N, C-alpha and C. Protein backbone atom coordinates (compact mmCIF):
# COMPACT_ATOMS: atom_id res chain seq x y z
N MET A 1 15.78 5.88 27.36
CA MET A 1 14.38 6.28 26.79
C MET A 1 14.38 5.17 25.67
N GLN A 2 13.11 4.76 25.56
CA GLN A 2 12.75 3.68 24.52
C GLN A 2 12.25 4.45 23.18
N PHE A 3 13.07 4.44 21.98
CA PHE A 3 12.57 5.14 20.85
C PHE A 3 11.74 3.96 19.94
N ARG A 4 11.06 4.23 19.22
CA ARG A 4 10.39 3.19 18.20
C ARG A 4 10.00 4.10 17.00
N LEU A 5 9.93 3.19 15.77
CA LEU A 5 9.31 3.77 14.56
C LEU A 5 8.02 3.25 14.54
N LYS A 6 7.18 4.09 13.94
CA LYS A 6 5.66 3.61 13.87
C LYS A 6 5.50 3.74 12.28
N GLY A 7 5.05 2.78 11.70
CA GLY A 7 4.79 2.58 10.29
C GLY A 7 3.63 3.77 9.87
N ALA A 8 4.00 4.39 8.90
CA ALA A 8 2.87 5.41 8.28
C ALA A 8 2.46 5.39 6.96
N SER A 9 3.00 4.29 6.31
CA SER A 9 2.58 3.95 4.92
C SER A 9 2.53 2.68 4.58
N GLY A 10 1.85 2.18 3.63
CA GLY A 10 1.79 0.81 3.07
C GLY A 10 1.19 -0.29 4.10
N ALA A 11 1.84 -1.57 3.77
CA ALA A 11 1.55 -2.55 4.74
C ALA A 11 2.27 -2.45 6.17
N ILE A 12 3.17 -1.50 6.41
CA ILE A 12 3.41 -1.12 7.64
C ILE A 12 2.78 -0.42 8.53
N THR A 13 1.39 0.08 7.95
CA THR A 13 0.98 1.36 8.76
C THR A 13 0.48 0.92 9.97
N GLY A 14 0.81 1.75 10.98
CA GLY A 14 0.46 1.38 12.11
C GLY A 14 1.28 0.40 13.11
N GLN A 15 2.03 -0.17 12.51
CA GLN A 15 2.83 -1.09 13.40
C GLN A 15 3.88 -0.15 13.96
N ALA A 16 4.41 -0.76 15.11
CA ALA A 16 5.47 -0.16 15.82
C ALA A 16 6.67 -0.88 15.87
N PHE A 17 7.86 -0.44 15.90
CA PHE A 17 8.90 -1.27 15.72
C PHE A 17 9.97 -0.61 16.88
N PRO A 18 10.13 -1.11 17.81
CA PRO A 18 11.07 -0.74 19.02
C PRO A 18 12.57 -0.55 18.18
N LEU A 19 13.39 0.44 18.72
CA LEU A 19 14.79 0.50 18.32
C LEU A 19 15.58 0.07 19.41
N ALA A 20 16.74 -0.45 18.92
CA ALA A 20 17.78 -0.84 19.99
C ALA A 20 18.89 0.13 19.81
N GLU A 21 19.94 0.15 20.44
CA GLU A 21 21.15 0.95 20.35
C GLU A 21 21.56 1.09 18.84
N SER A 22 21.52 -0.04 18.34
CA SER A 22 21.83 0.02 16.81
C SER A 22 20.86 -0.96 16.16
N THR A 23 20.04 -0.24 15.20
CA THR A 23 19.07 -0.97 14.45
C THR A 23 19.45 -0.94 13.02
N SER A 24 19.48 -2.03 12.30
CA SER A 24 19.59 -1.85 10.82
C SER A 24 18.39 -2.21 10.29
N ILE A 25 18.03 -1.52 9.24
CA ILE A 25 16.66 -1.54 8.46
C ILE A 25 17.10 -1.80 7.12
N GLY A 26 16.28 -2.75 6.49
CA GLY A 26 16.45 -3.21 4.99
C GLY A 26 15.61 -4.50 4.62
N ALA A 27 15.92 -4.76 3.51
CA ALA A 27 15.21 -6.06 2.95
C ALA A 27 15.84 -7.23 3.29
N SER A 28 17.14 -7.28 3.77
CA SER A 28 17.92 -8.40 4.06
C SER A 28 17.31 -9.23 5.03
N ALA A 29 17.59 -10.50 5.10
CA ALA A 29 17.12 -11.42 6.13
C ALA A 29 18.07 -11.21 7.38
N ASP A 30 18.98 -10.41 7.49
CA ASP A 30 20.12 -10.09 8.36
C ASP A 30 19.54 -8.60 9.19
N ALA A 31 18.47 -7.93 8.59
CA ALA A 31 18.32 -6.57 8.97
C ALA A 31 17.42 -7.00 10.33
N GLN A 32 17.66 -5.96 11.41
CA GLN A 32 16.79 -6.26 12.52
C GLN A 32 15.21 -5.64 12.09
N LEU A 33 15.26 -4.70 11.40
CA LEU A 33 13.89 -4.43 10.88
C LEU A 33 13.55 -4.79 9.54
N GLN A 34 12.96 -5.66 9.13
CA GLN A 34 13.08 -6.09 7.68
C GLN A 34 11.81 -5.32 7.18
N VAL A 35 12.11 -4.72 6.01
CA VAL A 35 11.11 -4.04 5.28
C VAL A 35 11.25 -4.27 3.67
N ALA A 36 10.31 -5.07 3.07
CA ALA A 36 10.02 -5.22 1.77
C ALA A 36 10.25 -3.86 0.93
N GLY A 37 10.82 -3.99 -0.33
CA GLY A 37 11.03 -2.87 -1.02
C GLY A 37 12.11 -2.01 -0.83
N LEU A 38 12.83 -2.20 0.34
CA LEU A 38 14.05 -1.43 0.57
C LEU A 38 15.44 -2.11 -0.05
N ASN A 39 16.32 -1.43 0.00
CA ASN A 39 17.88 -2.05 -0.17
C ASN A 39 17.97 -3.01 0.70
N ASP A 40 18.88 -4.14 0.69
CA ASP A 40 19.28 -5.18 1.76
C ASP A 40 19.78 -4.41 3.03
N ASP A 41 20.56 -3.47 2.89
CA ASP A 41 20.96 -2.82 4.01
C ASP A 41 21.03 -1.25 3.85
N HIS A 42 19.54 -1.02 3.95
CA HIS A 42 18.98 0.44 3.42
C HIS A 42 19.61 1.39 4.69
N ALA A 43 19.54 1.08 5.63
CA ALA A 43 19.82 2.10 6.75
C ALA A 43 20.12 1.60 8.03
N LEU A 44 20.79 2.55 8.96
CA LEU A 44 21.14 2.16 10.26
C LEU A 44 20.77 3.24 11.17
N ILE A 45 20.04 2.97 12.46
CA ILE A 45 19.76 3.97 13.26
C ILE A 45 20.62 3.49 14.72
N VAL A 46 21.38 4.74 15.08
CA VAL A 46 22.07 4.33 16.19
C VAL A 46 21.80 5.34 17.19
N PHE A 47 21.93 4.80 18.41
CA PHE A 47 21.76 5.69 19.52
C PHE A 47 22.94 5.59 20.36
N ASP A 48 23.55 6.74 20.55
CA ASP A 48 25.01 6.82 21.28
C ASP A 48 24.83 7.02 22.82
N GLY A 49 23.57 7.14 23.39
CA GLY A 49 23.43 7.45 24.81
C GLY A 49 22.90 9.11 24.80
N GLU A 50 23.04 9.76 23.88
CA GLU A 50 22.81 11.26 23.80
C GLU A 50 21.91 11.38 22.73
N VAL A 51 22.40 11.06 21.44
CA VAL A 51 21.95 11.44 20.17
C VAL A 51 21.47 10.21 19.30
N LEU A 52 20.27 10.21 18.69
CA LEU A 52 19.65 9.16 17.78
C LEU A 52 20.11 9.66 16.47
N THR A 53 20.88 8.92 15.72
CA THR A 53 21.27 9.19 14.34
C THR A 53 20.90 8.36 13.20
N LEU A 54 20.42 8.73 11.97
CA LEU A 54 20.11 7.95 10.83
C LEU A 54 21.30 7.93 9.79
N GLU A 55 21.75 6.56 9.68
CA GLU A 55 22.85 6.55 8.58
C GLU A 55 22.26 5.67 7.42
N ALA A 56 21.95 6.44 6.44
CA ALA A 56 21.14 5.77 5.32
C ALA A 56 22.41 5.41 4.01
N SER A 57 22.17 4.25 3.48
CA SER A 57 22.88 4.04 2.31
C SER A 57 22.06 3.98 1.02
N GLY A 58 20.89 3.81 1.33
CA GLY A 58 19.72 3.89 0.19
C GLY A 58 19.01 5.29 0.30
N PRO A 59 17.95 5.55 -0.67
CA PRO A 59 17.24 6.79 -0.62
C PRO A 59 16.45 6.99 0.65
N ALA A 60 16.76 8.23 1.50
CA ALA A 60 16.20 8.52 2.65
C ALA A 60 15.84 9.99 2.90
N TRP A 61 14.67 10.29 3.31
CA TRP A 61 14.21 11.75 3.60
C TRP A 61 13.87 11.72 5.39
N ILE A 62 14.30 13.01 5.72
CA ILE A 62 13.70 13.24 6.92
C ILE A 62 12.85 14.44 6.83
N ASN A 63 11.81 14.41 7.47
CA ASN A 63 10.85 15.61 7.26
C ASN A 63 10.94 16.22 6.00
N GLY A 64 10.73 15.37 4.70
CA GLY A 64 11.11 16.00 3.25
C GLY A 64 12.17 16.22 2.75
N GLU A 65 13.19 16.36 3.53
CA GLU A 65 14.58 16.86 3.24
C GLU A 65 15.55 15.39 2.91
N PRO A 66 16.21 15.33 1.88
CA PRO A 66 17.13 14.27 1.56
C PRO A 66 18.14 14.15 2.71
N ALA A 67 18.39 12.78 3.09
CA ALA A 67 19.46 12.70 4.33
C ALA A 67 20.17 11.36 3.85
N THR A 68 21.53 11.35 4.39
CA THR A 68 22.24 10.37 4.34
C THR A 68 22.87 10.06 5.95
N ARG A 69 22.96 11.13 6.53
CA ARG A 69 23.45 10.87 8.02
C ARG A 69 22.91 12.33 8.69
N GLN A 70 22.06 11.95 9.61
CA GLN A 70 21.32 13.10 10.43
C GLN A 70 20.85 12.81 11.69
N ALA A 71 20.97 13.69 12.68
CA ALA A 71 20.41 13.52 14.10
C ALA A 71 18.98 13.46 14.04
N LEU A 72 18.19 12.61 14.70
CA LEU A 72 16.88 12.67 14.71
C LEU A 72 16.28 13.06 16.07
N LYS A 73 14.75 13.47 16.03
CA LYS A 73 14.06 13.92 17.32
C LYS A 73 12.85 13.25 17.20
N SER A 74 12.19 13.16 18.42
CA SER A 74 10.82 12.58 18.30
C SER A 74 9.95 13.50 17.40
N GLY A 75 9.12 12.71 16.73
CA GLY A 75 8.01 13.36 15.60
C GLY A 75 8.82 13.49 14.38
N ASP A 76 9.91 13.41 14.15
CA ASP A 76 10.55 13.28 12.68
C ASP A 76 9.81 12.21 11.84
N GLU A 77 9.53 12.59 10.55
CA GLU A 77 9.06 11.60 9.45
C GLU A 77 10.13 11.13 8.78
N ILE A 78 10.39 9.96 8.88
CA ILE A 78 11.48 9.21 7.99
C ILE A 78 10.91 8.47 6.83
N ARG A 79 11.69 8.73 5.65
CA ARG A 79 11.12 8.09 4.61
C ARG A 79 12.50 7.24 3.98
N LEU A 80 12.23 5.91 3.88
CA LEU A 80 13.22 5.16 3.56
C LEU A 80 12.51 4.48 2.17
N GLY A 81 13.17 4.81 1.05
CA GLY A 81 12.30 4.29 -0.13
C GLY A 81 11.05 5.01 -0.20
N GLU A 82 9.99 3.89 -0.60
CA GLU A 82 8.74 4.36 -0.27
C GLU A 82 8.00 4.08 0.88
N GLN A 83 8.66 3.80 1.99
CA GLN A 83 8.14 3.47 3.35
C GLN A 83 8.23 4.85 4.13
N ARG A 84 7.14 5.05 4.76
CA ARG A 84 7.36 6.13 5.60
C ARG A 84 7.15 5.78 7.09
N PHE A 85 7.74 6.30 8.11
CA PHE A 85 7.76 6.05 9.43
C PHE A 85 7.80 7.37 10.10
N VAL A 86 7.21 7.16 11.53
CA VAL A 86 7.27 8.48 12.47
C VAL A 86 8.14 8.05 13.50
N LEU A 87 9.17 8.85 13.98
CA LEU A 87 10.00 8.33 15.14
C LEU A 87 9.23 8.81 16.40
N GLN A 88 9.24 7.83 17.28
CA GLN A 88 8.28 8.35 18.40
C GLN A 88 9.28 8.12 19.82
N ALA A 89 9.14 8.67 20.84
CA ALA A 89 9.81 8.47 21.99
C ALA A 89 8.60 8.44 22.92
N PRO A 90 8.25 7.40 23.54
CA PRO A 90 7.06 7.43 24.35
C PRO A 90 7.10 8.27 25.53
N GLY A 91 6.11 9.02 25.85
CA GLY A 91 6.05 10.12 26.72
C GLY A 91 6.31 11.45 26.68
N LEU A 92 7.03 11.68 25.18
CA LEU A 92 7.25 13.01 24.60
C LEU A 92 6.51 13.45 23.78
N ARG A 93 5.96 14.55 23.60
CA ARG A 93 5.41 15.36 22.62
C ARG A 93 6.37 15.71 21.51
N PRO A 94 6.17 15.41 20.31
CA PRO A 94 7.14 15.83 19.41
C PRO A 94 7.22 17.39 19.40
N PRO A 95 8.36 17.99 19.13
CA PRO A 95 8.31 19.41 19.13
C PRO A 95 7.81 19.73 17.87
N SER A 96 7.60 19.21 16.75
CA SER A 96 6.94 19.82 15.66
C SER A 96 5.34 20.00 15.90
N VAL A 97 4.87 19.09 16.91
CA VAL A 97 3.38 19.10 17.18
C VAL A 97 3.10 20.45 18.00
N LEU A 98 4.15 20.53 18.88
CA LEU A 98 4.08 21.75 19.85
C LEU A 98 4.00 23.06 18.97
N ARG A 99 5.12 23.14 18.20
CA ARG A 99 5.27 24.35 17.36
C ARG A 99 3.86 24.78 16.46
N GLU A 100 3.41 23.44 15.84
CA GLU A 100 2.25 23.94 15.00
C GLU A 100 1.03 24.35 15.86
N VAL A 101 0.95 23.84 17.21
CA VAL A 101 -0.34 24.61 17.84
C VAL A 101 0.10 25.76 18.29
N GLN A 102 1.22 26.31 18.42
CA GLN A 102 1.61 27.71 19.09
C GLN A 102 1.65 28.45 17.82
N ASP A 103 1.99 28.16 16.66
CA ASP A 103 2.00 29.00 15.54
C ASP A 103 0.46 29.24 14.63
N LYS A 104 -0.47 28.43 15.09
CA LYS A 104 -1.62 28.35 14.37
C LYS A 104 -2.36 29.68 14.78
N PRO A 105 -2.65 30.49 13.42
CA PRO A 105 -3.02 31.80 13.78
C PRO A 105 -4.51 31.70 14.48
N SER A 106 -4.86 32.63 15.32
CA SER A 106 -6.32 32.61 15.77
C SER A 106 -7.12 33.36 14.88
N ARG A 107 -8.41 32.66 14.87
CA ARG A 107 -9.50 33.21 14.01
C ARG A 107 -10.39 34.11 14.70
N SER A 108 -10.24 34.59 16.07
CA SER A 108 -11.07 35.35 16.77
C SER A 108 -11.02 36.64 16.24
N GLY A 109 -9.82 37.12 15.78
CA GLY A 109 -9.84 38.56 15.19
C GLY A 109 -10.66 38.56 13.79
N LEU A 110 -10.80 37.46 12.89
CA LEU A 110 -11.74 37.53 12.01
C LEU A 110 -13.01 37.67 12.18
N TRP A 111 -13.56 36.95 13.23
CA TRP A 111 -14.80 36.98 13.63
C TRP A 111 -15.18 38.51 14.17
N TRP A 112 -14.18 38.80 14.96
CA TRP A 112 -14.45 40.39 15.29
C TRP A 112 -14.66 41.28 14.38
N ALA A 113 -13.85 41.19 13.10
CA ALA A 113 -13.78 42.23 12.21
C ALA A 113 -15.26 41.79 11.26
N VAL A 114 -15.76 40.78 11.22
CA VAL A 114 -16.87 40.53 10.65
C VAL A 114 -18.13 41.02 11.47
N GLY A 115 -17.96 40.92 12.68
CA GLY A 115 -19.07 41.51 13.75
C GLY A 115 -19.01 42.98 13.44
N VAL A 116 -17.84 43.85 13.55
CA VAL A 116 -17.78 45.09 13.65
C VAL A 116 -18.27 45.50 12.15
N ALA A 117 -18.10 45.00 11.08
CA ALA A 117 -18.51 45.07 9.76
C ALA A 117 -20.13 45.11 9.67
N GLY A 118 -20.35 44.02 10.34
CA GLY A 118 -21.98 43.73 10.24
C GLY A 118 -22.75 44.96 10.94
N ALA A 119 -22.25 45.35 12.28
CA ALA A 119 -22.71 46.30 13.04
C ALA A 119 -22.61 47.79 12.30
N ALA A 120 -21.54 47.99 11.68
CA ALA A 120 -21.41 49.22 10.91
C ALA A 120 -22.51 49.37 9.81
N ALA A 121 -22.72 48.27 9.11
CA ALA A 121 -23.77 48.10 8.06
C ALA A 121 -25.00 48.50 8.41
N ALA A 122 -25.62 47.87 9.63
CA ALA A 122 -26.58 47.91 10.31
C ALA A 122 -26.89 49.61 10.65
N ALA A 123 -25.90 49.94 11.42
CA ALA A 123 -26.03 51.53 11.76
C ALA A 123 -26.04 52.40 10.55
N ALA A 124 -25.40 51.90 9.47
CA ALA A 124 -25.71 53.12 8.20
C ALA A 124 -26.71 52.75 7.58
N ALA A 125 -27.52 51.50 7.69
CA ALA A 125 -28.89 51.38 7.24
C ALA A 125 -29.76 52.08 8.02
N ALA A 126 -29.73 52.05 9.45
CA ALA A 126 -30.53 52.47 10.21
C ALA A 126 -30.77 54.28 10.17
N TYR A 127 -29.47 54.67 9.86
CA TYR A 127 -29.23 56.19 9.86
C TYR A 127 -30.02 56.50 8.49
N TRP A 128 -29.87 55.86 7.29
CA TRP A 128 -30.28 56.16 6.10
C TRP A 128 -31.94 56.12 6.27
N TYR A 129 -32.43 55.24 6.99
CA TYR A 129 -33.71 54.92 6.94
C TYR A 129 -34.41 56.15 7.85
N TRP A 130 -33.72 56.31 9.02
CA TRP A 130 -34.54 57.39 9.99
C TRP A 130 -34.09 58.84 9.59
N PHE A 131 -32.95 59.32 8.99
CA PHE A 131 -32.61 60.44 8.81
C PHE A 131 -32.66 61.08 7.56
N MET A 132 -32.73 60.15 6.38
CA MET A 132 -32.47 60.79 5.21
C MET A 132 -34.02 61.03 4.53
N PRO A 133 -34.04 62.09 3.85
CA PRO A 133 -35.32 62.54 3.38
C PRO A 133 -35.81 61.52 2.23
N PRO A 134 -37.11 61.32 2.13
CA PRO A 134 -37.55 60.46 1.05
C PRO A 134 -37.36 61.00 -0.12
N VAL A 135 -36.94 60.06 -1.33
CA VAL A 135 -36.53 60.49 -2.59
C VAL A 135 -38.05 60.50 -3.42
N GLY A 136 -38.29 61.56 -4.19
CA GLY A 136 -39.40 61.22 -5.20
C GLY A 136 -40.34 62.10 -4.87
């Protein structure tokens, strides 16, 4: 499966970077993925045939959590220094996207409650108008 990083901030926004079995990321001319503003040898992403792993020597976060060595999955947001990427595996929907759709609360119950409250208010007003004796 071909993984890639998609730039999500700054000058790299929208750019796609295919990953090899081992991809070095940094500001060094030797880095396979050269990104200005990072340490020379900022991070390494390694695929062992089963697991994709980030090994960071510079500041790194995965989904907002600090990381030095961590397994990755499609949809992860990887921040290296001030640069943000999203890990993509073409053809796979990220698990985080699937979870967000399933966990999103339905608003149909809210509209049902508003409708019931409106009907109750209308019934109370009609009762008051037709059955209560006039005042005064």
